[in-house]
């Protein structure tokens, strides 16, 4: 089963959200779908999922159902660590 990376952003996105959304796109390009699934949730369309995780601010990254990053725009090393903890073999 692939590692699931869910990214949450406001609409319009703040600069941190823009950075995290772009980073999510890079990860989606780097890993095949059978290793990593990336889902992006933006604005009101994401509200139900946002509330289900009890998130309090964006940007946020959830890996395999566990909140890993919230309220900051992390560097790739931090995201790599979060994905590694979620079971992804980092390249």
PDB file of N, CA and C in Angstrom:
ATOM      1  N   UNK A   1       0.846  -1.172   0.000  1.00  0.00           N
ATOM      2  CA  UNK A   1       0.000   0.000   0.000  1.00  0.00           C
ATOM      3  C   UNK A   1       0.896   1.240   0.000  1.00  0.00           C
ATOM      4  N   UNK A   2       0.581   2.232  -0.843  1.00  0.00           N
ATOM      5  CA  UNK A   2       1.419   3.432  -0.907  1.00  0.00           C
ATOM      6  C   UNK A   2       1.264   4.301   0.339  1.00  0.00           C
ATOM      7  N   UNK A   3       2.290   5.076   0.613  1.00  0.00           N
ATOM      8  CA  UNK A   3       2.228   6.079   1.665  1.00  0.00           C
ATOM      9  C   UNK A   3       1.307   7.192   1.165  1.00  0.00           C
ATOM     10  N   UNK A   4       0.445   7.687   2.041  1.00  0.00           N
ATOM     11  CA  UNK A   4      -0.494   8.748   1.680  1.00  0.00           C
ATOM     12  C   UNK A   4      -0.036  10.065   2.304  1.00  0.00           C
ATOM     13  N   UNK A   5       0.208  11.050   1.450  1.00  0.00           N
ATOM     14  CA  UNK A   5       0.579  12.397   1.886  1.00  0.00           C
ATOM     15  C   UNK A   5      -0.570  13.330   1.538  1.00  0.00           C
ATOM     16  N   UNK A   6      -1.206  13.913   2.560  1.00  0.00           N
ATOM     17  CA  UNK A   6      -2.309  14.841   2.353  1.00  0.00           C
ATOM     18  C   UNK A   6      -1.825  16.243   2.723  1.00  0.00           C
ATOM     19  N   UNK A   7      -2.022  17.185   1.818  1.00  0.00           N
ATOM     20  CA  UNK A   7      -1.549  18.549   2.005  1.00  0.00           C
ATOM     21  C   UNK A   7      -2.763  19.477   2.061  1.00  0.00           C
ATOM     22  N   UNK A   8      -2.780  20.346   3.065  1.00  0.00           N
ATOM     23  CA  UNK A   8      -3.890  21.272   3.258  1.00  0.00           C
ATOM     24  C   UNK A   8      -3.420  22.709   3.062  1.00  0.00           C
ATOM     25  N   UNK A   9      -4.255  23.499   2.368  1.00  0.00           N
ATOM     26  CA  UNK A   9      -3.937  24.888   2.063  1.00  0.00           C
ATOM     27  C   UNK A   9      -5.192  25.733   2.166  1.00  0.00           C
ATOM     28  N   UNK A  10      -4.990  27.002   2.463  1.00  0.00           N
ATOM     29  CA  UNK A  10      -6.091  27.951   2.422  1.00  0.00           C
ATOM     30  C   UNK A  10      -6.337  28.393   0.982  1.00  0.00           C
ATOM     31  N   UNK A  11      -7.437  29.134   0.779  1.00  0.00           N
ATOM     32  CA  UNK A  11      -7.756  29.662  -0.536  1.00  0.00           C
ATOM     33  C   UNK A  11      -8.277  31.083  -0.361  1.00  0.00           C
ATOM     34  N   UNK A  12      -7.552  32.100  -0.763  1.00  0.00           N
ATOM     35  CA  UNK A  12      -6.296  32.019  -1.498  1.00  0.00           C
ATOM     36  C   UNK A  12      -5.167  31.534  -0.597  1.00  0.00           C
ATOM     37  N   UNK A  13      -4.197  30.853  -1.188  1.00  0.00           N
ATOM     38  CA  UNK A  13      -3.107  30.305  -0.385  1.00  0.00           C
ATOM     39  C   UNK A  13      -2.138  31.390   0.074  1.00  0.00           C
ATOM     40  N   UNK A  14      -1.683  31.266   1.308  1.00  0.00           N
ATOM     41  CA  UNK A  14      -0.645  32.147   1.831  1.00  0.00           C
ATOM     42  C   UNK A  14       0.691  31.721   1.203  1.00  0.00           C
ATOM     43  N   UNK A  15       1.748  32.496   1.366  1.00  0.00           N
ATOM     44  CA  UNK A  15       3.043  32.100   0.792  1.00  0.00           C
ATOM     45  C   UNK A  15       3.518  30.725   1.279  1.00  0.00           C
ATOM     46  N   UNK A  16       3.270  30.399   2.542  1.00  0.00           N
ATOM     47  CA  UNK A  16       3.647  29.083   3.054  1.00  0.00           C
ATOM     48  C   UNK A  16       2.870  27.970   2.382  1.00  0.00           C
ATOM     49  N   UNK A  17       1.585  28.217   2.148  1.00  0.00           N
ATOM     50  CA  UNK A  17       0.756  27.217   1.464  1.00  0.00           C
ATOM     51  C   UNK A  17       1.216  27.015   0.027  1.00  0.00           C
ATOM     52  N   UNK A  18       1.563  28.112  -0.643  1.00  0.00           N
ATOM     53  CA  UNK A  18       2.060  28.013  -2.016  1.00  0.00           C
ATOM     54  C   UNK A  18       3.306  27.133  -2.044  1.00  0.00           C
ATOM     55  N   UNK A  19       4.207  27.340  -1.091  1.00  0.00           N
ATOM     56  CA  UNK A  19       5.446  26.555  -1.036  1.00  0.00           C
ATOM     57  C   UNK A  19       5.154  25.079  -0.781  1.00  0.00           C
ATOM     58  N   UNK A  20       4.231  24.792   0.126  1.00  0.00           N
ATOM     59  CA  UNK A  20       3.913  23.397   0.454  1.00  0.00           C
ATOM     60  C   UNK A  20       3.198  22.718  -0.710  1.00  0.00           C
ATOM     61  N   UNK A  21       2.310  23.414  -1.381  1.00  0.00           N
ATOM     62  CA  UNK A  21       1.636  22.830  -2.550  1.00  0.00           C
ATOM     63  C   UNK A  21       2.634  22.520  -3.663  1.00  0.00           C
ATOM     64  N   UNK A  22       3.585  23.421  -3.887  1.00  0.00           N
ATOM     65  CA  UNK A  22       4.614  23.173  -4.901  1.00  0.00           C
ATOM     66  C   UNK A  22       5.490  21.994  -4.506  1.00  0.00           C
ATOM     67  N   UNK A  23       5.813  21.897  -3.225  1.00  0.00           N
ATOM     68  CA  UNK A  23       6.615  20.781  -2.739  1.00  0.00           C
ATOM     69  C   UNK A  23       5.864  19.459  -2.933  1.00  0.00           C
ATOM     70  N   UNK A  24       4.560  19.469  -2.681  1.00  0.00           N
ATOM     71  CA  UNK A  24       3.745  18.262  -2.878  1.00  0.00           C
ATOM     72  C   UNK A  24       3.796  17.816  -4.335  1.00  0.00           C
ATOM     73  N   UNK A  25       3.756  18.773  -5.249  1.00  0.00           N
ATOM     74  CA  UNK A  25       3.851  18.437  -6.679  1.00  0.00           C
ATOM     75  C   UNK A  25       5.193  17.786  -7.000  1.00  0.00           C
ATOM     76  N   UNK A  26       6.268  18.294  -6.404  1.00  0.00           N
ATOM     77  CA  UNK A  26       7.593  17.712  -6.651  1.00  0.00           C
ATOM     78  C   UNK A  26       7.665  16.272  -6.129  1.00  0.00           C
ATOM     79  N   UNK A  27       7.090  16.029  -4.968  1.00  0.00           N
ATOM     80  CA  UNK A  27       7.086  14.658  -4.426  1.00  0.00           C
ATOM     81  C   UNK A  27       6.249  13.736  -5.302  1.00  0.00           C
ATOM     82  N   UNK A  28       5.125  14.229  -5.794  1.00  0.00           N
ATOM     83  CA  UNK A  28       4.265  13.415  -6.663  1.00  0.00           C
ATOM     84  C   UNK A  28       4.986  13.041  -7.952  1.00  0.00           C
ATOM     85  N   UNK A  29       5.836  13.933  -8.448  1.00  0.00           N
ATOM     86  CA  UNK A  29       6.606  13.646  -9.658  1.00  0.00           C
ATOM     87  C   UNK A  29       7.765  12.689  -9.381  1.00  0.00           C
ATOM     88  N   UNK A  30       8.331  12.769  -8.192  1.00  0.00           N
ATOM     89  CA  UNK A  30       9.518  11.989  -7.836  1.00  0.00           C
ATOM     90  C   UNK A  30       9.214  10.520  -7.564  1.00  0.00           C
ATOM     91  N   UNK A  31       8.016  10.233  -7.036  1.00  0.00           N
ATOM     92  CA  UNK A  31       7.683   8.866  -6.630  1.00  0.00           C
ATOM     93  C   UNK A  31       6.515   8.325  -7.443  1.00  0.00           C
ATOM     94  N   UNK A  32       6.583   7.060  -7.828  1.00  0.00           N
ATOM     95  CA  UNK A  32       5.450   6.463  -8.548  1.00  0.00           C
ATOM     96  C   UNK A  32       4.246   6.293  -7.611  1.00  0.00           C
ATOM     97  N   UNK A  33       3.063   6.231  -8.196  1.00  0.00           N
ATOM     98  CA  UNK A  33       1.817   6.151  -7.421  1.00  0.00           C
ATOM     99  C   UNK A  33       1.756   4.935  -6.510  1.00  0.00           C
ATOM    100  N   UNK A  34       2.449   3.862  -6.875  1.00  0.00           N
ATOM    101  CA  UNK A  34       2.408   2.677  -6.000  1.00  0.00           C
ATOM    102  C   UNK A  34       3.277   2.854  -4.750  1.00  0.00           C
ATOM    103  N   UNK A  35       4.095   3.910  -4.713  1.00  0.00           N
ATOM    104  CA  UNK A  35       4.902   4.204  -3.527  1.00  0.00           C
ATOM    105  C   UNK A  35       4.336   5.372  -2.720  1.00  0.00           C
ATOM    106  N   UNK A  36       3.844   6.405  -3.406  1.00  0.00           N
ATOM    107  CA  UNK A  36       3.352   7.612  -2.731  1.00  0.00           C
ATOM    108  C   UNK A  36       2.128   8.161  -3.444  1.00  0.00           C
ATOM    109  N   UNK A  37       1.081   8.392  -2.671  1.00  0.00           N
ATOM    110  CA  UNK A  37      -0.114   9.061  -3.164  1.00  0.00           C
ATOM    111  C   UNK A  37      -0.169  10.437  -2.522  1.00  0.00           C
ATOM    112  N   UNK A  38      -0.269  11.473  -3.334  1.00  0.00           N
ATOM    113  CA  UNK A  38      -0.343  12.847  -2.837  1.00  0.00           C
ATOM    114  C   UNK A  38      -1.735  13.391  -3.130  1.00  0.00           C
ATOM    115  N   UNK A  39      -2.397  13.876  -2.076  1.00  0.00           N
ATOM    116  CA  UNK A  39      -3.707  14.508  -2.235  1.00  0.00           C
ATOM    117  C   UNK A  39      -3.609  15.924  -1.685  1.00  0.00           C
ATOM    118  N   UNK A  40      -4.145  16.870  -2.449  1.00  0.00           N
ATOM    119  CA  UNK A  40      -4.131  18.259  -2.024  1.00  0.00           C
ATOM    120  C   UNK A  40      -5.560  18.706  -1.724  1.00  0.00           C
ATOM    121  N   UNK A  41      -5.721  19.360  -0.593  1.00  0.00           N
ATOM    122  CA  UNK A  41      -7.013  19.881  -0.160  1.00  0.00           C
ATOM    123  C   UNK A  41      -6.864  21.395  -0.003  1.00  0.00           C
ATOM    124  N   UNK A  42      -7.689  22.144  -0.743  1.00  0.00           N
ATOM    125  CA  UNK A  42      -7.540  23.596  -0.771  1.00  0.00           C
ATOM    126  C   UNK A  42      -8.864  24.279  -0.443  1.00  0.00           C
ATOM    127  N   UNK A  43      -8.803  25.209   0.498  1.00  0.00           N
ATOM    128  CA  UNK A  43      -9.948  26.057   0.821  1.00  0.00           C
ATOM    129  C   UNK A  43     -11.164  25.330   1.346  1.00  0.00           C
ATOM    130  N   UNK A  44     -12.340  25.891   1.044  1.00  0.00           N
ATOM    131  CA  UNK A  44     -13.605  25.360   1.566  1.00  0.00           C
ATOM    132  C   UNK A  44     -13.867  23.914   1.148  1.00  0.00           C
ATOM    133  N   UNK A  45     -13.385  23.538  -0.021  1.00  0.00           N
ATOM    134  CA  UNK A  45     -13.583  22.162  -0.484  1.00  0.00           C
ATOM    135  C   UNK A  45     -12.912  21.166   0.451  1.00  0.00           C
ATOM    136  N   UNK A  46     -11.964  21.624   1.246  1.00  0.00           N
ATOM    137  CA  UNK A  46     -11.211  20.751   2.143  1.00  0.00           C
ATOM    138  C   UNK A  46     -11.732  20.789   3.574  1.00  0.00           C
ATOM    139  N   UNK A  47     -12.735  21.605   3.840  1.00  0.00           N
ATOM    140  CA  UNK A  47     -13.165  21.847   5.209  1.00  0.00           C
ATOM    141  C   UNK A  47     -13.552  20.581   5.968  1.00  0.00           C
ATOM    142  N   UNK A  48     -14.287  19.687   5.336  1.00  0.00           N
ATOM    143  CA  UNK A  48     -14.724  18.469   6.025  1.00  0.00           C
ATOM    144  C   UNK A  48     -13.524  17.623   6.455  1.00  0.00           C
ATOM    145  N   UNK A  49     -12.567  17.441   5.550  1.00  0.00           N
ATOM    146  CA  UNK A  49     -11.363  16.659   5.854  1.00  0.00           C
ATOM    147  C   UNK A  49     -10.502  17.396   6.890  1.00  0.00           C
ATOM    148  N   UNK A  50     -10.405  18.706   6.765  1.00  0.00           N
ATOM    149  CA  UNK A  50      -9.660  19.554   7.693  1.00  0.00           C
ATOM    150  C   UNK A  50     -10.205  19.380   9.118  1.00  0.00           C
ATOM    151  N   UNK A  51     -11.516  19.425   9.242  1.00  0.00           N
ATOM    152  CA  UNK A  51     -12.153  19.263  10.552  1.00  0.00           C
ATOM    153  C   UNK A  51     -12.029  17.836  11.066  1.00  0.00           C
ATOM    154  N   UNK A  52     -12.058  16.856  10.179  1.00  0.00           N
ATOM    155  CA  UNK A  52     -11.923  15.462  10.604  1.00  0.00           C
ATOM    156  C   UNK A  52     -10.572  15.220  11.271  1.00  0.00           C
ATOM    157  N   UNK A  53      -9.529  15.885  10.777  1.00  0.00           N
ATOM    158  CA  UNK A  53      -8.204  15.766  11.390  1.00  0.00           C
ATOM    159  C   UNK A  53      -8.026  16.728  12.568  1.00  0.00           C
ATOM    160  N   UNK A  54      -9.013  17.586  12.794  1.00  0.00           N
ATOM    161  CA  UNK A  54      -8.951  18.566  13.875  1.00  0.00           C
ATOM    162  C   UNK A  54      -7.742  19.501  13.713  1.00  0.00           C
ATOM    163  N   UNK A  55      -7.477  19.875  12.469  1.00  0.00           N
ATOM    164  CA  UNK A  55      -6.390  20.804  12.190  1.00  0.00           C
ATOM    165  C   UNK A  55      -6.782  22.195  12.671  1.00  0.00           C
ATOM    166  N   UNK A  56      -5.781  22.993  13.029  1.00  0.00           N
ATOM    167  CA  UNK A  56      -6.080  24.341  13.497  1.00  0.00           C
ATOM    168  C   UNK A  56      -5.530  25.430  12.581  1.00  0.00           C
ATOM    169  N   UNK A  57      -4.606  25.087  11.697  1.00  0.00           N
ATOM    170  CA  UNK A  57      -4.083  26.083  10.759  1.00  0.00           C
ATOM    171  C   UNK A  57      -3.427  25.393   9.568  1.00  0.00           C
ATOM    172  N   UNK A  58      -3.209  26.193   8.533  1.00  0.00           N
ATOM    173  CA  UNK A  58      -2.547  25.719   7.324  1.00  0.00           C
ATOM    174  C   UNK A  58      -1.274  26.523   7.129  1.00  0.00           C
ATOM    175  N   UNK A  59      -0.339  26.060   6.370  1.00  0.00           N
ATOM    176  CA  UNK A  59      -0.321  24.786   5.671  1.00  0.00           C
ATOM    177  C   UNK A  59      -0.193  23.622   6.648  1.00  0.00           C
ATOM    178  N   UNK A  60      -0.631  22.470   6.194  1.00  0.00           N
ATOM    179  CA  UNK A  60      -0.531  21.260   7.011  1.00  0.00           C
ATOM    180  C   UNK A  60      -0.252  20.066   6.106  1.00  0.00           C
ATOM    181  N   UNK A  61       0.494  19.114   6.660  1.00  0.00           N
ATOM    182  CA  UNK A  61       0.773  17.861   5.960  1.00  0.00           C
ATOM    183  C   UNK A  61       0.440  16.719   6.899  1.00  0.00           C
ATOM    184  N   UNK A  62      -0.365  15.795   6.389  1.00  0.00           N
ATOM    185  CA  UNK A  62      -0.760  14.601   7.127  1.00  0.00           C
ATOM    186  C   UNK A  62      -0.219  13.404   6.357  1.00  0.00           C
ATOM    187  N   UNK A  63       0.458  12.501   7.057  1.00  0.00           N
ATOM    188  CA  UNK A  63       1.027  11.319   6.422  1.00  0.00           C
ATOM    189  C   UNK A  63       0.383  10.079   7.033  1.00  0.00           C
ATOM    190  N   UNK A  64      -0.263   9.305   6.198  1.00  0.00           N
ATOM    191  CA  UNK A  64      -0.959   8.085   6.628  1.00  0.00           C
ATOM    192  C   UNK A  64      -1.869   8.336   7.826  1.00  0.00           C
ATOM    193  N   UNK A  65      -2.584   9.461   7.790  1.00  0.00           N
ATOM    194  CA  UNK A  65      -3.555   9.769   8.832  1.00  0.00           C
ATOM    195  C   UNK A  65      -2.991  10.413  10.078  1.00  0.00           C
ATOM    196  N   UNK A  66      -1.698  10.699  10.104  1.00  0.00           N
ATOM    197  CA  UNK A  66      -1.054  11.310  11.269  1.00  0.00           C
ATOM    198  C   UNK A  66      -0.589  12.712  10.890  1.00  0.00           C
ATOM    199  N   UNK A  67      -1.004  13.706  11.672  1.00  0.00           N
ATOM    200  CA  UNK A  67      -0.575  15.083  11.417  1.00  0.00           C
ATOM    201  C   UNK A  67       0.917  15.178  11.690  1.00  0.00           C
ATOM    202  N   UNK A  68       1.669  15.583  10.670  1.00  0.00           N
ATOM    203  CA  UNK A  68       3.126  15.695  10.798  1.00  0.00           C
ATOM    204  C   UNK A  68       3.594  17.140  10.822  1.00  0.00           C
ATOM    205  N   UNK A  69       2.912  18.006  10.079  1.00  0.00           N
ATOM    206  CA  UNK A  69       3.324  19.399   9.961  1.00  0.00           C
ATOM    207  C   UNK A  69       2.067  20.259   9.954  1.00  0.00           C
ATOM    208  N   UNK A  70       2.099  21.331  10.747  1.00  0.00           N
ATOM    209  CA  UNK A  70       0.936  22.215  10.795  1.00  0.00           C
ATOM    210  C   UNK A  70       1.392  23.635  11.116  1.00  0.00           C
ATOM    211  N   UNK A  71       0.978  24.579  10.283  1.00  0.00           N
ATOM    212  CA  UNK A  71       1.226  25.980  10.547  1.00  0.00           C
ATOM    213  C   UNK A  71       2.570  26.515  10.102  1.00  0.00           C
ATOM    214  N   UNK A  72       3.371  25.685   9.433  1.00  0.00           N
ATOM    215  CA  UNK A  72       4.670  26.148   8.932  1.00  0.00           C
ATOM    216  C   UNK A  72       4.894  25.598   7.533  1.00  0.00           C
ATOM    217  N   UNK A  73       5.790  26.251   6.811  1.00  0.00           N
ATOM    218  CA  UNK A  73       6.227  25.741   5.512  1.00  0.00           C
ATOM    219  C   UNK A  73       7.580  25.074   5.742  1.00  0.00           C
ATOM    220  N   UNK A  74       7.601  23.748   5.822  1.00  0.00           N
ATOM    221  CA  UNK A  74       8.835  23.041   6.154  1.00  0.00           C
ATOM    222  C   UNK A  74       9.801  22.963   4.975  1.00  0.00           C
ATOM    223  N   UNK A  75      11.053  22.627   5.288  1.00  0.00           N
ATOM    224  CA  UNK A  75      11.995  22.350   4.207  1.00  0.00           C
ATOM    225  C   UNK A  75      11.823  20.886   3.796  1.00  0.00           C
ATOM    226  N   UNK A  76      12.463  20.502   2.696  1.00  0.00           N
ATOM    227  CA  UNK A  76      12.287  19.138   2.191  1.00  0.00           C
ATOM    228  C   UNK A  76      12.825  18.090   3.157  1.00  0.00           C
ATOM    229  N   UNK A  77      13.857  18.419   3.915  1.00  0.00           N
ATOM    230  CA  UNK A  77      14.389  17.467   4.888  1.00  0.00           C
ATOM    231  C   UNK A  77      13.351  17.094   5.934  1.00  0.00           C
ATOM    232  N   UNK A  78      12.582  18.076   6.378  1.00  0.00           N
ATOM    233  CA  UNK A  78      11.529  17.820   7.364  1.00  0.00           C
ATOM    234  C   UNK A  78      10.431  16.949   6.763  1.00  0.00           C
ATOM    235  N   UNK A  79      10.055  17.240   5.519  1.00  0.00           N
ATOM    236  CA  UNK A  79       9.029  16.430   4.847  1.00  0.00           C
ATOM    237  C   UNK A  79       9.564  15.026   4.595  1.00  0.00           C
ATOM    238  N   UNK A  80      10.825  14.909   4.195  1.00  0.00           N
ATOM    239  CA  UNK A  80      11.438  13.582   4.021  1.00  0.00           C
ATOM    240  C   UNK A  80      11.317  12.766   5.303  1.00  0.00           C
ATOM    241  N   UNK A  81      11.625  13.376   6.432  1.00  0.00           N
ATOM    242  CA  UNK A  81      11.533  12.670   7.714  1.00  0.00           C
ATOM    243  C   UNK A  81      10.107  12.238   8.009  1.00  0.00           C
ATOM    244  N   UNK A  82       9.141  13.113   7.737  1.00  0.00           N
ATOM    245  CA  UNK A  82       7.736  12.768   7.971  1.00  0.00           C
ATOM    246  C   UNK A  82       7.308  11.600   7.094  1.00  0.00           C
ATOM    247  N   UNK A  83       7.723  11.622   5.834  1.00  0.00           N
ATOM    248  CA  UNK A  83       7.371  10.530   4.923  1.00  0.00           C
ATOM    249  C   UNK A  83       8.094   9.243   5.292  1.00  0.00           C
ATOM    250  N   UNK A  84       9.334   9.350   5.719  1.00  0.00           N
ATOM    251  CA  UNK A  84      10.087   8.169   6.159  1.00  0.00           C
ATOM    252  C   UNK A  84       9.387   7.519   7.356  1.00  0.00           C
ATOM    253  N   UNK A  85       8.946   8.344   8.312  1.00  0.00           N
ATOM    254  CA  UNK A  85       8.201   7.820   9.461  1.00  0.00           C
ATOM    255  C   UNK A  85       6.910   7.136   9.018  1.00  0.00           C
ATOM    256  N   UNK A  86       6.358   7.591   7.882  1.00  0.00           N
ATOM    257  CA  UNK A  86       5.137   6.997   7.342  1.00  0.00           C
ATOM    258  C   UNK A  86       5.384   5.747   6.516  1.00  0.00           C
ATOM    259  N   UNK A  87       6.660   5.380   6.353  1.00  0.00           N
ATOM    260  CA  UNK A  87       6.982   4.124   5.671  1.00  0.00           C
ATOM    261  C   UNK A  87       7.526   4.259   4.262  1.00  0.00           C
ATOM    262  N   UNK A  88       7.720   5.495   3.788  1.00  0.00           N
ATOM    263  CA  UNK A  88       8.244   5.678   2.431  1.00  0.00           C
ATOM    264  C   UNK A  88       9.751   5.568   2.433  1.00  0.00           C
ATOM    265  N   UNK A  89      10.279   4.828   1.472  1.00  0.00           N
ATOM    266  CA  UNK A  89      11.728   4.769   1.287  1.00  0.00           C
ATOM    267  C   UNK A  89      12.131   6.011   0.509  1.00  0.00           C
ATOM    268  N   UNK A  90      12.916   6.888   1.153  1.00  0.00           N
ATOM    269  CA  UNK A  90      13.281   8.181   0.576  1.00  0.00           C
ATOM    270  C   UNK A  90      14.435   8.020  -0.399  1.00  0.00           C
ATOM    271  N   UNK A  91      14.295   8.639  -1.560  1.00  0.00           N
ATOM    272  CA  UNK A  91      15.350   8.622  -2.578  1.00  0.00           C
ATOM    273  C   UNK A  91      16.147   9.887  -2.537  1.00  0.00           C
TER     274      UNK A  91
END
